[in-house]
Amino acid sequence: MRLARIVSNSFALVLLDVLNKAMPLIVFPVVVRVLGPAVYGKLGFAGAVAGFFALLASPGFTTYAVREAARDHAKLPFLVQNVVGARLALPWVPFCCLRSIPSIWLRAMVQQDF
């Protein structure tokens, strides 16, 4: 019974991995054709900028908290409180940065016109 479950789970993981690699090969040409290369480029750039700022918002606290909780269960309430607090507070920093970028950019564009 245990071997059958291992084989079944392994097959499911392999199938999931194959589908995760095959779907972009199918979807990418359709999306680029529908949006056009210029719009798709802008969308890709926006996704890259958002991904960069998402790294600043979540710098791996969850992994740290799981490791520390496994080492000492008594720290669990402290870790949960601080990790949740940090995950609620830290996204405001990149959000403010992202909010200021368009205004700085527009101010520079207006100054160039004059």
C-alpha atoms as a PDB file:
ATOM      1  CA  MET A   1       0.000   0.000   0.000  1.00  0.00           C
ATOM      2  CA  ARG A   2       2.790   2.424   0.900  1.00  0.00           C
ATOM      3  CA  LEU A   3       4.719   1.751  -2.327  1.00  0.00           C
ATOM      4  CA  ALA A   4       1.589   2.347  -4.421  1.00  0.00           C
ATOM      5  CA  ARG A   5       1.041   5.685  -2.697  1.00  0.00           C
ATOM      6  CA  ILE A   6       4.664   6.727  -3.308  1.00  0.00           C
ATOM      7  CA  VAL A   7       4.390   5.794  -6.991  1.00  0.00           C
ATOM      8  CA  SER A   8       1.068   7.631  -7.305  1.00  0.00           C
ATOM      9  CA  ASN A   9       2.417  10.780  -5.632  1.00  0.00           C
ATOM     10  CA  SER A  10       5.591  10.681  -7.720  1.00  0.00           C
ATOM     11  CA  PHE A  11       3.565  10.363 -10.909  1.00  0.00           C
ATOM     12  CA  ALA A  12       1.392  13.312  -9.869  1.00  0.00           C
ATOM     13  CA  LEU A  13       4.476  15.450  -9.175  1.00  0.00           C
ATOM     14  CA  VAL A  14       6.054  14.553 -12.530  1.00  0.00           C
ATOM     15  CA  LEU A  15       2.797  15.287 -14.356  1.00  0.00           C
ATOM     16  CA  LEU A  16       2.471  18.626 -12.573  1.00  0.00           C
ATOM     17  CA  ASP A  17       6.058  19.532 -13.466  1.00  0.00           C
ATOM     18  CA  VAL A  18       5.517  18.632 -17.136  1.00  0.00           C
ATOM     19  CA  LEU A  19       2.326  20.703 -17.272  1.00  0.00           C
ATOM     20  CA  ASN A  20       4.065  23.649 -15.584  1.00  0.00           C
ATOM     21  CA  LYS A  21       6.710  23.565 -18.287  1.00  0.00           C
ATOM     22  CA  ALA A  22       4.305  22.954 -21.199  1.00  0.00           C
ATOM     23  CA  MET A  23       1.667  25.589 -20.426  1.00  0.00           C
ATOM     24  CA  PRO A  24       3.897  28.618 -21.095  1.00  0.00           C
ATOM     25  CA  LEU A  25       4.837  27.085 -24.453  1.00  0.00           C
ATOM     26  CA  ILE A  26       1.158  27.089 -25.384  1.00  0.00           C
ATOM     27  CA  VAL A  27       0.017  30.311 -23.713  1.00  0.00           C
ATOM     28  CA  PHE A  28       2.962  32.608 -24.537  1.00  0.00           C
ATOM     29  CA  PRO A  29       2.480  32.767 -28.342  1.00  0.00           C
ATOM     30  CA  VAL A  30      -1.261  33.366 -27.965  1.00  0.00           C
ATOM     31  CA  VAL A  31      -0.810  36.161 -25.418  1.00  0.00           C
ATOM     32  CA  VAL A  32       1.882  37.894 -27.484  1.00  0.00           C
ATOM     33  CA  ARG A  33      -0.228  37.649 -30.626  1.00  0.00           C
ATOM     34  CA  VAL A  34      -3.312  39.063 -28.899  1.00  0.00           C
ATOM     35  CA  LEU A  35      -1.556  41.862 -26.994  1.00  0.00           C
ATOM     36  CA  GLY A  36       1.136  42.674 -29.503  1.00  0.00           C
ATOM     37  CA  PRO A  37       4.851  42.871 -28.739  1.00  0.00           C
ATOM     38  CA  ALA A  38       4.819  46.458 -27.425  1.00  0.00           C
ATOM     39  CA  VAL A  39       2.022  45.896 -24.902  1.00  0.00           C
ATOM     40  CA  TYR A  40       3.462  42.539 -23.867  1.00  0.00           C
ATOM     41  CA  GLY A  41       6.833  44.226 -23.278  1.00  0.00           C
ATOM     42  CA  LYS A  42       5.225  46.852 -21.062  1.00  0.00           C
ATOM     43  CA  LEU A  43       3.374  44.127 -19.181  1.00  0.00           C
ATOM     44  CA  GLY A  44       6.605  42.178 -18.696  1.00  0.00           C
ATOM     45  CA  PHE A  45       8.411  45.274 -17.439  1.00  0.00           C
ATOM     46  CA  ALA A  46       5.601  46.029 -14.982  1.00  0.00           C
ATOM     47  CA  GLY A  47       5.718  42.431 -13.758  1.00  0.00           C
ATOM     48  CA  ALA A  48       9.477  42.622 -13.247  1.00  0.00           C
ATOM     49  CA  VAL A  49       9.226  45.865 -11.258  1.00  0.00           C
ATOM     50  CA  ALA A  50       6.390  44.453  -9.144  1.00  0.00           C
ATOM     51  CA  GLY A  51       8.380  41.266  -8.534  1.00  0.00           C
ATOM     52  CA  PHE A  52      11.415  43.253  -7.408  1.00  0.00           C
ATOM     53  CA  PHE A  53       9.384  45.225  -4.900  1.00  0.00           C
ATOM     54  CA  ALA A  54       7.643  42.027  -3.749  1.00  0.00           C
ATOM     55  CA  LEU A  55      11.076  40.705  -2.767  1.00  0.00           C
ATOM     56  CA  LEU A  56      11.495  43.723  -0.523  1.00  0.00           C
ATOM     57  CA  ALA A  57       8.082  43.133   1.038  1.00  0.00           C
ATOM     58  CA  SER A  58       8.679  39.480   1.963  1.00  0.00           C
ATOM     59  CA  PRO A  59      12.364  38.790   2.598  1.00  0.00           C
ATOM     60  CA  GLY A  60      12.035  35.184   3.792  1.00  0.00           C
ATOM     61  CA  PHE A  61      10.617  35.578   7.264  1.00  0.00           C
ATOM     62  CA  THR A  62       8.383  32.534   6.880  1.00  0.00           C
ATOM     63  CA  THR A  63      11.312  30.192   6.312  1.00  0.00           C
ATOM     64  CA  TYR A  64      13.140  31.694   9.276  1.00  0.00           C
ATOM     65  CA  ALA A  65      10.084  31.387  11.508  1.00  0.00           C
ATOM     66  CA  VAL A  66       9.509  27.739  10.601  1.00  0.00           C
ATOM     67  CA  ARG A  67      13.151  26.900  11.318  1.00  0.00           C
ATOM     68  CA  GLU A  68      13.164  28.700  14.653  1.00  0.00           C
ATOM     69  CA  ALA A  69       9.815  27.212  15.692  1.00  0.00           C
ATOM     70  CA  ALA A  70      11.144  23.731  14.944  1.00  0.00           C
ATOM     71  CA  ARG A  71      14.163  24.402  17.156  1.00  0.00           C
ATOM     72  CA  ASP A  72      12.212  25.797  20.106  1.00  0.00           C
ATOM     73  CA  HIS A  73       8.432  25.461  20.366  1.00  0.00           C
ATOM     74  CA  ALA A  74       8.298  27.968  23.212  1.00  0.00           C
ATOM     75  CA  LYS A  75       9.221  30.751  20.762  1.00  0.00           C
ATOM     76  CA  LEU A  76       6.146  30.094  18.602  1.00  0.00           C
ATOM     77  CA  PRO A  77       3.864  32.881  19.920  1.00  0.00           C
ATOM     78  CA  PHE A  78       6.741  35.381  19.733  1.00  0.00           C
ATOM     79  CA  LEU A  79       7.620  34.303  16.180  1.00  0.00           C
ATOM     80  CA  VAL A  80       4.025  34.403  14.957  1.00  0.00           C
ATOM     81  CA  GLN A  81       3.459  37.852  16.398  1.00  0.00           C
ATOM     82  CA  ASN A  82       6.660  39.312  14.963  1.00  0.00           C
ATOM     83  CA  VAL A  83       6.514  37.615  11.558  1.00  0.00           C
ATOM     84  CA  VAL A  84       2.878  38.596  11.023  1.00  0.00           C
ATOM     85  CA  GLY A  85       3.661  42.128  12.178  1.00  0.00           C
ATOM     86  CA  ALA A  86       6.626  42.383   9.824  1.00  0.00           C
ATOM     87  CA  ARG A  87       4.639  40.942   6.921  1.00  0.00           C
ATOM     88  CA  LEU A  88       1.929  43.546   7.532  1.00  0.00           C
ATOM     89  CA  ALA A  89       4.348  46.457   7.955  1.00  0.00           C
ATOM     90  CA  LEU A  90       7.035  45.784   5.344  1.00  0.00           C
ATOM     91  CA  PRO A  91       4.841  45.959   2.211  1.00  0.00           C
ATOM     92  CA  TRP A  92       4.213  49.633   2.957  1.00  0.00           C
ATOM     93  CA  VAL A  93       7.837  50.516   2.151  1.00  0.00           C
ATOM     94  CA  PRO A  94       7.803  49.234  -1.458  1.00  0.00           C
ATOM     95  CA  PHE A  95       4.231  50.472  -1.860  1.00  0.00           C
ATOM     96  CA  CYS A  96       5.305  54.020  -0.998  1.00  0.00           C
ATOM     97  CA  CYS A  97       8.291  53.685  -3.327  1.00  0.00           C
ATOM     98  CA  LEU A  98       6.061  52.471  -6.149  1.00  0.00           C
ATOM     99  CA  ARG A  99       3.580  55.276  -5.480  1.00  0.00           C
ATOM    100  CA  SER A 100       6.333  57.889  -5.692  1.00  0.00           C
ATOM    101  CA  ILE A 101       7.890  56.610  -8.940  1.00  0.00           C
ATOM    102  CA  PRO A 102       5.100  57.852 -11.256  1.00  0.00           C
ATOM    103  CA  SER A 103       5.015  61.289  -9.630  1.00  0.00           C
ATOM    104  CA  ILE A 104       8.799  61.639  -9.882  1.00  0.00           C
ATOM    105  CA  TRP A 105       8.717  60.433 -13.478  1.00  0.00           C
ATOM    106  CA  LEU A 106       5.881  62.785 -14.425  1.00  0.00           C
ATOM    107  CA  ARG A 107       7.633  65.720 -12.730  1.00  0.00           C
ATOM    108  CA  ALA A 108      10.769  64.982 -14.770  1.00  0.00           C
ATOM    109  CA  MET A 109       8.723  64.757 -17.981  1.00  0.00           C
ATOM    110  CA  VAL A 110       7.022  68.108 -17.271  1.00  0.00           C
ATOM    111  CA  GLN A 111      10.356  69.785 -16.551  1.00  0.00           C
ATOM    112  CA  GLN A 112      11.750  68.502 -19.864  1.00  0.00           C
ATOM    113  CA  ASP A 113       8.910  70.135 -21.789  1.00  0.00           C
ATOM    114  CA  PHE A 114       9.769  73.575 -20.393  1.00  0.00           C
END
